[in-house]
Amino acid sequence: VGMDQTHERKMSFEGAEGRPAPPTSLPLQGQGGVASQRKKLSAPPISLSLDQSEDDLFDTPDDLDINVDDLDTPDEADYTDHEIDWEEPQASQRDSAKEAVEPIPTYSAQEERQDSKLWRTVIIGEQEHRINMKSLEPYQKVISHGGYYGNGANAIIVFAACFLPDSDREDYHEIMENLFLYVISTLELMVAEDYMIVYLNGATPHRRMPGLNWLKRCYQMIDRRLRKNLKSFIIVHPSWFIRTILAITKPFISSKFSSKIKYVNSLAELEELIPMEYVHIPECIIRSATCLTYKCMAIYLRHCSVQYKSKRRKHQGTDQLHT
């Protein structure tokens, strides 16, 4: 009977719709078993009719209907601050841009000339160097041109150590580096043929004495032509420090350079060697030399007085013996 009822339902559905009716329940267990142990889940009715319209296909339940007007959307103030304006910026933005960006300063012709004087570009050993001339203003007198000697353009280069900076300065190494470049570049400009260097050591305290490494570097960085054309290196008023340094470094100095070194103890002795017409002697060295001359004169007079007294005593003793 059950089979006949099922068959009749199938035939009735096929006759009505042309297709078998979908099942209305899902068995969770096998076909065999007690009917009370079966659990059935009800499925929603599914319509497979081809006669449905497009409106029926796209109908959504009431709980899924969304009203666009009820949605929360950001206000204009929420995104206008971050919106990129591809057109002309606002007035406030233009004002802030003007305050942030400073205009490029324009130099006058005089200011450009003054700025160019603060830096000098030199080429030493095929390398380009820049010299801070502003920091060397108090020390540019350390090297000067003292005229010429003999026949031709034989230059006299005067190096005054009294104009060197104090070694206790914080920027001492920076100044000496710029001064080193300044001395080498100036020497190349002053010298055309043979030349001599007059090193004025008088009135120079120990704190202003150049280091041995600095002097050695100066000599090594001098162009080979300048080293070859150096004919004499005169040291005026040499101190025990200078003599000691040269004595220690003599084994490491070439014999040619050692033969060019001469010691001069006074300006009068220097005047006998070179023309002094264009040689600039600093006032501190002149005062020091004058004081040194007075001291030498005092020592000489004291020595003469001692010798006179000793001779007088001898004569007095001889006279008493004769008497």
C-alpha atoms as a PDB file:
ATOM      1  CA  VAL A   1       0.000   0.000   0.000  1.00  0.00           C
ATOM      2  CA  GLY A   2       2.853   2.351   0.927  1.00  0.00           C
ATOM      3  CA  MET A   3       4.565   1.743  -2.394  1.00  0.00           C
ATOM      4  CA  ASP A   4       1.372   2.494  -4.274  1.00  0.00           C
ATOM      5  CA  GLN A   5       0.856   5.771  -2.406  1.00  0.00           C
ATOM      6  CA  THR A   6       4.399   6.850  -3.075  1.00  0.00           C
ATOM      7  CA  HIS A   7       4.123   5.922  -6.711  1.00  0.00           C
ATOM      8  CA  GLU A   8       0.878   7.855  -6.998  1.00  0.00           C
ATOM      9  CA  ARG A   9       2.447  10.955  -5.444  1.00  0.00           C
ATOM     10  CA  LYS A  10       5.381  10.730  -7.822  1.00  0.00           C
ATOM     11  CA  MET A  11       3.148  10.331 -10.823  1.00  0.00           C
ATOM     12  CA  SER A  12       0.937  13.174  -9.721  1.00  0.00           C
ATOM     13  CA  PHE A  13       3.926  15.509  -9.312  1.00  0.00           C
ATOM     14  CA  GLU A  14       5.458  14.444 -12.603  1.00  0.00           C
ATOM     15  CA  GLY A  15       2.165  15.065 -14.271  1.00  0.00           C
ATOM     16  CA  ALA A  16       1.848  18.475 -12.671  1.00  0.00           C
ATOM     17  CA  GLU A  17       5.356  19.724 -12.807  1.00  0.00           C
ATOM     18  CA  GLY A  18       7.154  17.217 -15.031  1.00  0.00           C
ATOM     19  CA  ARG A  19       9.885  16.618 -12.365  1.00  0.00           C
ATOM     20  CA  PRO A  20      10.050  14.553  -9.140  1.00  0.00           C
ATOM     21  CA  ALA A  21       9.149  16.339  -5.925  1.00  0.00           C
ATOM     22  CA  PRO A  22      12.055  17.137  -3.589  1.00  0.00           C
ATOM     23  CA  PRO A  23      12.273  15.330  -0.250  1.00  0.00           C
ATOM     24  CA  THR A  24      10.835  17.071   2.784  1.00  0.00           C
ATOM     25  CA  SER A  25      13.001  15.291   5.397  1.00  0.00           C
ATOM     26  CA  LEU A  26      16.581  13.992   5.762  1.00  0.00           C
ATOM     27  CA  PRO A  27      17.152  10.616   7.425  1.00  0.00           C
ATOM     28  CA  LEU A  28      20.089  10.690   9.882  1.00  0.00           C
ATOM     29  CA  GLN A  29      20.350   6.930  10.170  1.00  0.00           C
ATOM     30  CA  GLY A  30      20.044   3.973   7.809  1.00  0.00           C
ATOM     31  CA  GLN A  31      16.762   2.722   6.448  1.00  0.00           C
ATOM     32  CA  GLY A  32      16.585  -0.057   8.920  1.00  0.00           C
ATOM     33  CA  GLY A  33      15.720   0.783  12.473  1.00  0.00           C
ATOM     34  CA  VAL A  34      12.935   1.849  14.721  1.00  0.00           C
ATOM     35  CA  ALA A  35      10.868   4.759  13.531  1.00  0.00           C
ATOM     36  CA  SER A  36      11.024   6.333  16.980  1.00  0.00           C
ATOM     37  CA  GLN A  37      14.854   6.516  16.786  1.00  0.00           C
ATOM     38  CA  ARG A  38      14.809   8.493  13.562  1.00  0.00           C
ATOM     39  CA  LYS A  39      15.323  12.247  13.804  1.00  0.00           C
ATOM     40  CA  LYS A  40      14.025  14.355  10.954  1.00  0.00           C
ATOM     41  CA  LEU A  41      15.027  17.920  10.134  1.00  0.00           C
ATOM     42  CA  SER A  42      12.502  20.022   8.318  1.00  0.00           C
ATOM     43  CA  ALA A  43      13.866  21.767   5.196  1.00  0.00           C
ATOM     44  CA  PRO A  44      12.493  24.988   3.792  1.00  0.00           C
ATOM     45  CA  PRO A  45      10.373  24.591   0.684  1.00  0.00           C
ATOM     46  CA  ILE A  46      12.442  24.867  -2.460  1.00  0.00           C
ATOM     47  CA  SER A  47      10.724  25.883  -5.607  1.00  0.00           C
ATOM     48  CA  LEU A  48      12.391  24.778  -8.797  1.00  0.00           C
ATOM     49  CA  SER A  49       9.783  26.220 -11.077  1.00  0.00           C
ATOM     50  CA  LEU A  50      11.076  27.834 -14.243  1.00  0.00           C
ATOM     51  CA  ASP A  51       8.104  30.173 -14.275  1.00  0.00           C
ATOM     52  CA  GLN A  52       9.486  32.386 -11.505  1.00  0.00           C
ATOM     53  CA  SER A  53      10.220  35.973 -12.352  1.00  0.00           C
ATOM     54  CA  GLU A  54      13.427  37.865 -11.738  1.00  0.00           C
ATOM     55  CA  ASP A  55      11.821  39.658  -8.814  1.00  0.00           C
ATOM     56  CA  ASP A  56      11.171  36.344  -7.108  1.00  0.00           C
ATOM     57  CA  LEU A  57      14.761  35.232  -7.614  1.00  0.00           C
ATOM     58  CA  PHE A  58      16.270  38.354  -6.055  1.00  0.00           C
ATOM     59  CA  ASP A  59      13.830  38.674  -3.176  1.00  0.00           C
ATOM     60  CA  THR A  60      15.611  38.768   0.168  1.00  0.00           C
ATOM     61  CA  PRO A  61      14.216  38.136   3.593  1.00  0.00           C
ATOM     62  CA  ASP A  62      12.986  41.013   5.677  1.00  0.00           C
ATOM     63  CA  ASP A  63      15.858  40.692   8.153  1.00  0.00           C
ATOM     64  CA  LEU A  64      18.404  41.089   5.338  1.00  0.00           C
ATOM     65  CA  ASP A  65      16.861  44.199   3.810  1.00  0.00           C
ATOM     66  CA  ILE A  66      19.244  47.186   4.284  1.00  0.00           C
ATOM     67  CA  ASN A  67      18.051  50.740   4.154  1.00  0.00           C
ATOM     68  CA  VAL A  68      20.876  52.813   2.707  1.00  0.00           C
ATOM     69  CA  ASP A  69      19.458  56.012   4.146  1.00  0.00           C
ATOM     70  CA  ASP A  70      19.758  54.625   7.676  1.00  0.00           C
ATOM     71  CA  LEU A  71      23.497  53.796   7.358  1.00  0.00           C
ATOM     72  CA  ASP A  72      26.012  55.971   9.237  1.00  0.00           C
ATOM     73  CA  THR A  73      28.237  57.767   6.776  1.00  0.00           C
ATOM     74  CA  PRO A  74      31.222  60.032   7.648  1.00  0.00           C
ATOM     75  CA  ASP A  75      30.587  63.721   7.637  1.00  0.00           C
ATOM     76  CA  GLU A  76      32.457  66.039   5.329  1.00  0.00           C
ATOM     77  CA  ALA A  77      34.524  67.291   8.260  1.00  0.00           C
ATOM     78  CA  ASP A  78      35.865  63.754   8.835  1.00  0.00           C
ATOM     79  CA  TYR A  79      37.712  63.553   5.568  1.00  0.00           C
ATOM     80  CA  THR A  80      38.120  67.048   4.212  1.00  0.00           C
ATOM     81  CA  ASP A  81      41.201  67.562   6.405  1.00  0.00           C
ATOM     82  CA  HIS A  82      42.918  64.521   4.901  1.00  0.00           C
ATOM     83  CA  GLU A  83      41.642  64.908   1.386  1.00  0.00           C
ATOM     84  CA  ILE A  84      44.272  65.660  -1.224  1.00  0.00           C
ATOM     85  CA  ASP A  85      43.409  68.781  -3.097  1.00  0.00           C
ATOM     86  CA  TRP A  86      44.813  68.609  -6.586  1.00  0.00           C
ATOM     87  CA  GLU A  87      43.803  72.133  -7.320  1.00  0.00           C
ATOM     88  CA  GLU A  88      44.885  75.377  -5.668  1.00  0.00           C
ATOM     89  CA  PRO A  89      45.647  74.932  -1.912  1.00  0.00           C
ATOM     90  CA  GLN A  90      43.678  76.740   0.702  1.00  0.00           C
ATOM     91  CA  ALA A  91      44.724  80.094   2.076  1.00  0.00           C
ATOM     92  CA  SER A  92      45.763  78.650   5.455  1.00  0.00           C
ATOM     93  CA  GLN A  93      47.971  76.077   3.770  1.00  0.00           C
ATOM     94  CA  ARG A  94      49.586  78.744   1.623  1.00  0.00           C
ATOM     95  CA  ASP A  95      50.318  80.856   4.696  1.00  0.00           C
ATOM     96  CA  SER A  96      51.902  77.922   6.551  1.00  0.00           C
ATOM     97  CA  ALA A  97      54.005  77.053   3.495  1.00  0.00           C
ATOM     98  CA  LYS A  98      55.273  80.615   3.323  1.00  0.00           C
ATOM     99  CA  GLU A  99      56.228  80.519   6.982  1.00  0.00           C
ATOM    100  CA  ALA A 100      58.013  77.146   6.702  1.00  0.00           C
ATOM    101  CA  VAL A 101      60.049  77.856   3.555  1.00  0.00           C
ATOM    102  CA  GLU A 102      62.480  80.726   3.866  1.00  0.00           C
ATOM    103  CA  PRO A 103      63.483  82.588   0.732  1.00  0.00           C
ATOM    104  CA  ILE A 104      66.974  82.005  -0.650  1.00  0.00           C
ATOM    105  CA  PRO A 105      69.176  84.926   0.404  1.00  0.00           C
ATOM    106  CA  THR A 106      70.664  86.967  -2.383  1.00  0.00           C
ATOM    107  CA  TYR A 107      74.257  88.201  -2.138  1.00  0.00           C
ATOM    108  CA  SER A 108      75.501  91.453  -3.455  1.00  0.00           C
ATOM    109  CA  ALA A 109      78.713  91.623  -5.453  1.00  0.00           C
ATOM    110  CA  GLN A 110      80.612  92.890  -2.420  1.00  0.00           C
ATOM    111  CA  GLU A 111      79.299  90.078  -0.224  1.00  0.00           C
ATOM    112  CA  GLU A 112      80.265  87.498  -2.838  1.00  0.00           C
ATOM    113  CA  ARG A 113      83.801  88.880  -2.978  1.00  0.00           C
ATOM    114  CA  GLN A 114      83.968  88.848   0.802  1.00  0.00           C
ATOM    115  CA  ASP A 115      82.697  85.266   0.948  1.00  0.00           C
ATOM    116  CA  SER A 116      85.278  84.152  -1.621  1.00  0.00           C
ATOM    117  CA  LYS A 117      87.998  85.656   0.561  1.00  0.00           C
ATOM    118  CA  LEU A 118      86.978  83.431   3.463  1.00  0.00           C
ATOM    119  CA  TRP A 119      87.946  80.261   1.575  1.00  0.00           C
ATOM    120  CA  ARG A 120      90.876  79.510  -0.692  1.00  0.00           C
ATOM    121  CA  THR A 121      91.079  76.462  -2.919  1.00  0.00           C
ATOM    122  CA  VAL A 122      94.603  75.110  -3.469  1.00  0.00           C
ATOM    123  CA  ILE A 123      96.030  72.039  -5.182  1.00  0.00           C
ATOM    124  CA  ILE A 124      98.817  70.272  -3.287  1.00  0.00           C
ATOM    125  CA  GLY A 125     100.126  66.931  -4.437  1.00  0.00           C
ATOM    126  CA  GLU A 126      97.491  66.707  -7.204  1.00  0.00           C
ATOM    127  CA  GLN A 127      94.753  66.967  -4.570  1.00  0.00           C
ATOM    128  CA  GLU A 128      92.365  69.853  -4.080  1.00  0.00           C
ATOM    129  CA  HIS A 129      92.151  71.392  -0.602  1.00  0.00           C
ATOM    130  CA  ARG A 130      90.116  74.246   0.868  1.00  0.00           C
ATOM    131  CA  ILE A 131      91.655  76.650   3.385  1.00  0.00           C
ATOM    132  CA  ASN A 132      89.549  78.483   5.947  1.00  0.00           C
ATOM    133  CA  MET A 133      91.108  81.915   5.649  1.00  0.00           C
ATOM    134  CA  LYS A 134      88.822  83.354   8.320  1.00  0.00           C
ATOM    135  CA  SER A 135      90.462  81.229  11.019  1.00  0.00           C
ATOM    136  CA  LEU A 136      93.951  82.201   9.768  1.00  0.00           C
ATOM    137  CA  GLU A 137      93.542  85.970   9.927  1.00  0.00           C
ATOM    138  CA  PRO A 138      95.655  86.354  13.127  1.00  0.00           C
ATOM    139  CA  TYR A 139      98.338  83.952  11.828  1.00  0.00           C
ATOM    140  CA  GLN A 140      98.902  84.979   8.209  1.00  0.00           C
ATOM    141  CA  LYS A 141     102.016  86.946   9.207  1.00  0.00           C
ATOM    142  CA  VAL A 142     103.765  83.683   9.995  1.00  0.00           C
ATOM    143  CA  ILE A 143     105.165  83.618   6.444  1.00  0.00           C
ATOM    144  CA  SER A 144     106.243  86.640   4.414  1.00  0.00           C
ATOM    145  CA  HIS A 145     108.395  87.571   1.454  1.00  0.00           C
ATOM    146  CA  GLY A 146     111.720  89.181   2.406  1.00  0.00           C
ATOM    147  CA  GLY A 147     112.875  90.315  -1.016  1.00  0.00           C
ATOM    148  CA  TYR A 148     115.647  88.766  -3.092  1.00  0.00           C
ATOM    149  CA  TYR A 149     119.345  88.048  -2.749  1.00  0.00           C
ATOM    150  CA  GLY A 150     122.144  87.624  -5.250  1.00  0.00           C
ATOM    151  CA  ASN A 151     121.514  87.765  -8.959  1.00  0.00           C
ATOM    152  CA  GLY A 152     118.143  86.770 -10.376  1.00  0.00           C
ATOM    153  CA  ALA A 153     114.889  85.993  -8.594  1.00  0.00           C
ATOM    154  CA  ASN A 154     116.344  84.230  -5.562  1.00  0.00           C
ATOM    155  CA  ALA A 155     113.643  84.742  -2.950  1.00  0.00           C
ATOM    156  CA  ILE A 156     114.031  85.204   0.801  1.00  0.00           C
ATOM    157  CA  ILE A 157     111.157  83.537   2.673  1.00  0.00           C
ATOM    158  CA  VAL A 158     110.735  84.654   6.296  1.00  0.00           C
ATOM    159  CA  PHE A 159     109.013  82.310   8.735  1.00  0.00           C
ATOM    160  CA  ALA A 160     108.221  83.957  12.101  1.00  0.00           C
ATOM    161  CA  ALA A 161     107.396  81.325  14.731  1.00  0.00           C
ATOM    162  CA  CYS A 162     106.190  84.002  17.170  1.00  0.00           C
ATOM    163  CA  PHE A 163     102.962  84.299  15.134  1.00  0.00           C
ATOM    164  CA  LEU A 164     102.021  80.637  15.551  1.00  0.00           C
ATOM    165  CA  PRO A 165      98.939  79.785  17.687  1.00  0.00           C
ATOM    166  CA  ASP A 166      99.146  78.577  21.263  1.00  0.00           C
ATOM    167  CA  SER A 167      99.026  74.811  21.623  1.00  0.00           C
ATOM    168  CA  ASP A 168      96.466  75.050  24.456  1.00  0.00           C
ATOM    169  CA  ARG A 169      93.724  76.258  22.108  1.00  0.00           C
ATOM    170  CA  GLU A 170      90.761  73.938  21.559  1.00  0.00           C
ATOM    171  CA  ASP A 171      90.941  74.378  17.778  1.00  0.00           C
ATOM    172  CA  TYR A 172      94.747  74.157  17.667  1.00  0.00           C
ATOM    173  CA  HIS A 173      94.890  71.126  15.342  1.00  0.00           C
ATOM    174  CA  GLU A 174      92.333  72.626  12.964  1.00  0.00           C
ATOM    175  CA  ILE A 175      94.258  75.908  12.769  1.00  0.00           C
ATOM    176  CA  MET A 176      97.573  74.133  12.247  1.00  0.00           C
ATOM    177  CA  GLU A 177      96.042  72.037   9.461  1.00  0.00           C
ATOM    178  CA  ASN A 178      94.823  75.160   7.647  1.00  0.00           C
ATOM    179  CA  LEU A 179      98.115  76.904   8.383  1.00  0.00           C
ATOM    180  CA  PHE A 180     100.028  73.985   6.924  1.00  0.00           C
ATOM    181  CA  LEU A 181      98.083  74.240   3.654  1.00  0.00           C
ATOM    182  CA  TYR A 182      98.483  78.026   3.677  1.00  0.00           C
ATOM    183  CA  VAL A 183     102.275  77.870   4.126  1.00  0.00           C
ATOM    184  CA  ILE A 184     102.764  75.248   1.410  1.00  0.00           C
ATOM    185  CA  SER A 185     100.528  77.020  -1.124  1.00  0.00           C
ATOM    186  CA  THR A 186     102.044  80.441  -0.360  1.00  0.00           C
ATOM    187  CA  LEU A 187     105.553  79.070  -0.704  1.00  0.00           C
ATOM    188  CA  GLU A 188     104.753  77.762  -4.174  1.00  0.00           C
ATOM    189  CA  LEU A 189     103.480  81.203  -5.186  1.00  0.00           C
ATOM    190  CA  MET A 190     106.475  83.104  -3.810  1.00  0.00           C
ATOM    191  CA  VAL A 191     109.263  80.939  -5.175  1.00  0.00           C
ATOM    192  CA  ALA A 192     110.257  81.088  -8.833  1.00  0.00           C
ATOM    193  CA  GLU A 193     113.921  80.005  -8.756  1.00  0.00           C
ATOM    194  CA  ASP A 194     116.333  79.367  -5.891  1.00  0.00           C
ATOM    195  CA  TYR A 195     115.351  80.543  -2.421  1.00  0.00           C
ATOM    196  CA  MET A 196     116.312  80.502   1.241  1.00  0.00           C
ATOM    197  CA  ILE A 197     114.202  80.271   4.408  1.00  0.00           C
ATOM    198  CA  VAL A 198     114.916  82.515   7.396  1.00  0.00           C
ATOM    199  CA  TYR A 199     113.393  80.951  10.506  1.00  0.00           C
ATOM    200  CA  LEU A 200     112.909  83.592  13.235  1.00  0.00           C
ATOM    201  CA  ASN A 201     112.863  81.680  16.512  1.00  0.00           C
ATOM    202  CA  GLY A 202     113.254  84.644  18.868  1.00  0.00           C
ATOM    203  CA  ALA A 203     110.501  85.706  21.287  1.00  0.00           C
ATOM    204  CA  THR A 204     108.715  82.376  20.773  1.00  0.00           C
ATOM    205  CA  PRO A 205     107.527  80.620  23.946  1.00  0.00           C
ATOM    206  CA  HIS A 206     107.566  76.864  24.113  1.00  0.00           C
ATOM    207  CA  ARG A 207     103.755  76.635  23.799  1.00  0.00           C
ATOM    208  CA  ARG A 208     103.983  78.187  20.315  1.00  0.00           C
ATOM    209  CA  MET A 209     106.792  76.045  19.034  1.00  0.00           C
ATOM    210  CA  PRO A 210     105.663  73.899  16.088  1.00  0.00           C
ATOM    211  CA  GLY A 211     105.779  70.177  16.618  1.00  0.00           C
ATOM    212  CA  LEU A 212     108.369  68.004  14.969  1.00  0.00           C
ATOM    213  CA  ASN A 213     105.722  66.077  13.033  1.00  0.00           C
ATOM    214  CA  TRP A 214     104.291  69.324  11.671  1.00  0.00           C
ATOM    215  CA  LEU A 215     107.705  70.500  10.426  1.00  0.00           C
ATOM    216  CA  LYS A 216     108.437  67.081   8.954  1.00  0.00           C
ATOM    217  CA  ARG A 217     105.099  67.040   7.147  1.00  0.00           C
ATOM    218  CA  CYS A 218     105.729  70.509   5.733  1.00  0.00           C
ATOM    219  CA  TYR A 219     109.076  69.397   4.334  1.00  0.00           C
ATOM    220  CA  GLN A 220     107.623  66.192   2.876  1.00  0.00           C
ATOM    221  CA  MET A 221     104.650  67.934   1.241  1.00  0.00           C
ATOM    222  CA  ILE A 222     106.828  70.568  -0.407  1.00  0.00           C
ATOM    223  CA  ASP A 223     107.152  69.951  -4.103  1.00  0.00           C
ATOM    224  CA  ARG A 224     110.339  68.235  -5.228  1.00  0.00           C
ATOM    225  CA  ARG A 225     111.306  71.328  -7.200  1.00  0.00           C
ATOM    226  CA  LEU A 226     111.080  73.461  -4.052  1.00  0.00           C
ATOM    227  CA  ARG A 227     113.132  71.006  -2.011  1.00  0.00           C
ATOM    228  CA  LYS A 228     115.781  70.995  -4.687  1.00  0.00           C
ATOM    229  CA  ASN A 229     115.870  74.798  -5.038  1.00  0.00           C
ATOM    230  CA  LEU A 230     116.214  75.400  -1.282  1.00  0.00           C
ATOM    231  CA  LYS A 231     119.753  76.713  -0.871  1.00  0.00           C
ATOM    232  CA  SER A 232     119.869  77.692   2.793  1.00  0.00           C
ATOM    233  CA  PHE A 233     117.842  77.303   5.985  1.00  0.00           C
ATOM    234  CA  ILE A 234     118.890  79.980   8.488  1.00  0.00           C
ATOM    235  CA  ILE A 235     117.702  79.717  12.105  1.00  0.00           C
ATOM    236  CA  VAL A 236     117.905  83.035  13.963  1.00  0.00           C
ATOM    237  CA  HIS A 237     118.163  82.983  17.774  1.00  0.00           C
ATOM    238  CA  PRO A 238     118.120  79.174  18.039  1.00  0.00           C
ATOM    239  CA  SER A 239     116.991  77.841  21.408  1.00  0.00           C
ATOM    240  CA  TRP A 240     118.238  74.719  23.116  1.00  0.00           C
ATOM    241  CA  PHE A 241     114.964  73.047  22.087  1.00  0.00           C
ATOM    242  CA  ILE A 242     115.616  73.667  18.386  1.00  0.00           C
ATOM    243  CA  ARG A 243     119.209  72.532  18.676  1.00  0.00           C
ATOM    244  CA  THR A 244     118.160  69.382  20.520  1.00  0.00           C
ATOM    245  CA  ILE A 245     115.491  68.486  17.960  1.00  0.00           C
ATOM    246  CA  LEU A 246     117.861  68.952  15.044  1.00  0.00           C
ATOM    247  CA  ALA A 247     120.559  66.952  16.820  1.00  0.00           C
ATOM    248  CA  ILE A 248     118.149  64.068  17.456  1.00  0.00           C
ATOM    249  CA  THR A 249     116.738  64.046  13.934  1.00  0.00           C
ATOM    250  CA  LYS A 250     120.063  64.518  12.180  1.00  0.00           C
ATOM    251  CA  PRO A 251     120.542  60.764  11.517  1.00  0.00           C
ATOM    252  CA  PHE A 252     117.139  60.690   9.809  1.00  0.00           C
ATOM    253  CA  ILE A 253     117.669  63.842   7.725  1.00  0.00           C
ATOM    254  CA  SER A 254     119.489  63.739   4.433  1.00  0.00           C
ATOM    255  CA  SER A 255     123.019  65.044   4.447  1.00  0.00           C
ATOM    256  CA  LYS A 256     122.123  67.578   1.750  1.00  0.00           C
ATOM    257  CA  PHE A 257     119.476  69.178   3.936  1.00  0.00           C
ATOM    258  CA  SER A 258     121.698  69.099   7.028  1.00  0.00           C
ATOM    259  CA  SER A 259     124.392  71.008   5.161  1.00  0.00           C
ATOM    260  CA  LYS A 260     121.880  73.795   4.391  1.00  0.00           C
ATOM    261  CA  ILE A 261     121.120  74.525   8.088  1.00  0.00           C
ATOM    262  CA  LYS A 262     122.885  77.543   9.609  1.00  0.00           C
ATOM    263  CA  TYR A 263     122.599  79.070  13.095  1.00  0.00           C
ATOM    264  CA  VAL A 264     122.592  82.842  13.576  1.00  0.00           C
ATOM    265  CA  ASN A 265     122.659  84.254  17.105  1.00  0.00           C
ATOM    266  CA  SER A 266     121.862  87.917  16.389  1.00  0.00           C
ATOM    267  CA  LEU A 267     120.197  90.175  13.858  1.00  0.00           C
ATOM    268  CA  ALA A 268     123.506  91.889  13.215  1.00  0.00           C
ATOM    269  CA  GLU A 269     124.989  88.560  12.184  1.00  0.00           C
ATOM    270  CA  LEU A 270     121.971  87.935   9.933  1.00  0.00           C
ATOM    271  CA  GLU A 271     122.488  91.313   8.270  1.00  0.00           C
ATOM    272  CA  GLU A 272     125.955  90.206   7.239  1.00  0.00           C
ATOM    273  CA  LEU A 273     124.506  87.216   5.364  1.00  0.00           C
ATOM    274  CA  ILE A 274     121.466  88.617   3.552  1.00  0.00           C
ATOM    275  CA  PRO A 275     120.082  92.049   2.590  1.00  0.00           C
ATOM    276  CA  MET A 276     117.656  93.181   5.302  1.00  0.00           C
ATOM    277  CA  GLU A 277     115.919  95.919   3.333  1.00  0.00           C
ATOM    278  CA  TYR A 278     112.668  93.975   2.814  1.00  0.00           C
ATOM    279  CA  VAL A 279     112.932  91.484   5.658  1.00  0.00           C
ATOM    280  CA  HIS A 280     110.201  92.192   8.203  1.00  0.00           C
ATOM    281  CA  ILE A 281     111.344  91.561  11.766  1.00  0.00           C
ATOM    282  CA  PRO A 282     108.490  91.542  14.325  1.00  0.00           C
ATOM    283  CA  GLU A 283     108.745  94.066  17.140  1.00  0.00           C
ATOM    284  CA  CYS A 284     108.648  91.353  19.787  1.00  0.00           C
ATOM    285  CA  ILE A 285     111.800  89.831  18.289  1.00  0.00           C
ATOM    286  CA  ILE A 286     113.507  93.226  18.172  1.00  0.00           C
ATOM    287  CA  ARG A 287     112.695  93.841  21.835  1.00  0.00           C
ATOM    288  CA  SER A 288     113.861  90.356  22.716  1.00  0.00           C
ATOM    289  CA  ALA A 289     117.069  90.849  20.762  1.00  0.00           C
ATOM    290  CA  THR A 290     117.630  94.217  22.455  1.00  0.00           C
ATOM    291  CA  CYS A 291     117.102  92.705  25.876  1.00  0.00           C
ATOM    292  CA  LEU A 292     119.376  89.859  24.895  1.00  0.00           C
ATOM    293  CA  THR A 293     121.972  92.368  23.758  1.00  0.00           C
ATOM    294  CA  TYR A 294     121.758  94.233  27.059  1.00  0.00           C
ATOM    295  CA  LYS A 295     122.069  90.973  28.933  1.00  0.00           C
ATOM    296  CA  CYS A 296     125.030  89.992  26.830  1.00  0.00           C
ATOM    297  CA  MET A 297     126.586  93.398  27.431  1.00  0.00           C
ATOM    298  CA  ALA A 298     125.962  93.104  31.173  1.00  0.00           C
ATOM    299  CA  ILE A 299     127.488  89.641  31.241  1.00  0.00           C
ATOM    300  CA  TYR A 300     130.432  90.867  29.206  1.00  0.00           C
ATOM    301  CA  LEU A 301     130.995  93.877  31.476  1.00  0.00           C
ATOM    302  CA  ARG A 302     130.715  91.679  34.550  1.00  0.00           C
ATOM    303  CA  HIS A 303     133.234  89.296  33.080  1.00  0.00           C
ATOM    304  CA  CYS A 304     135.581  92.161  32.229  1.00  0.00           C
ATOM    305  CA  SER A 305     135.221  93.536  35.746  1.00  0.00           C
ATOM    306  CA  VAL A 306     136.122  90.196  37.278  1.00  0.00           C
ATOM    307  CA  GLN A 307     139.155  89.866  35.052  1.00  0.00           C
ATOM    308  CA  TYR A 308     140.270  93.439  35.878  1.00  0.00           C
ATOM    309  CA  LYS A 309     139.978  92.817  39.607  1.00  0.00           C
ATOM    310  CA  SER A 310     141.905  89.573  39.391  1.00  0.00           C
ATOM    311  CA  LYS A 311     144.681  91.232  37.404  1.00  0.00           C
ATOM    312  CA  ARG A 312     144.764  94.115  39.863  1.00  0.00           C
ATOM    313  CA  ARG A 313     145.175  91.709  42.777  1.00  0.00           C
ATOM    314  CA  LYS A 314     148.021  90.015  40.966  1.00  0.00           C
ATOM    315  CA  HIS A 315     149.729  93.351  40.347  1.00  0.00           C
ATOM    316  CA  GLN A 316     149.251  94.364  43.966  1.00  0.00           C
ATOM    317  CA  GLY A 317     150.796  91.102  45.120  1.00  0.00           C
ATOM    318  CA  THR A 318     153.746  91.568  42.791  1.00  0.00           C
ATOM    319  CA  ASP A 319     154.308  95.136  44.014  1.00  0.00           C
ATOM    320  CA  GLN A 320     154.260  94.008  47.641  1.00  0.00           C
ATOM    321  CA  LEU A 321     156.733  91.252  46.820  1.00  0.00           C
ATOM    322  CA  HIS A 322     159.083  93.742  45.175  1.00  0.00           C
ATOM    323  CA  THR A 323     158.734  96.104  48.115  1.00  0.00           C
END
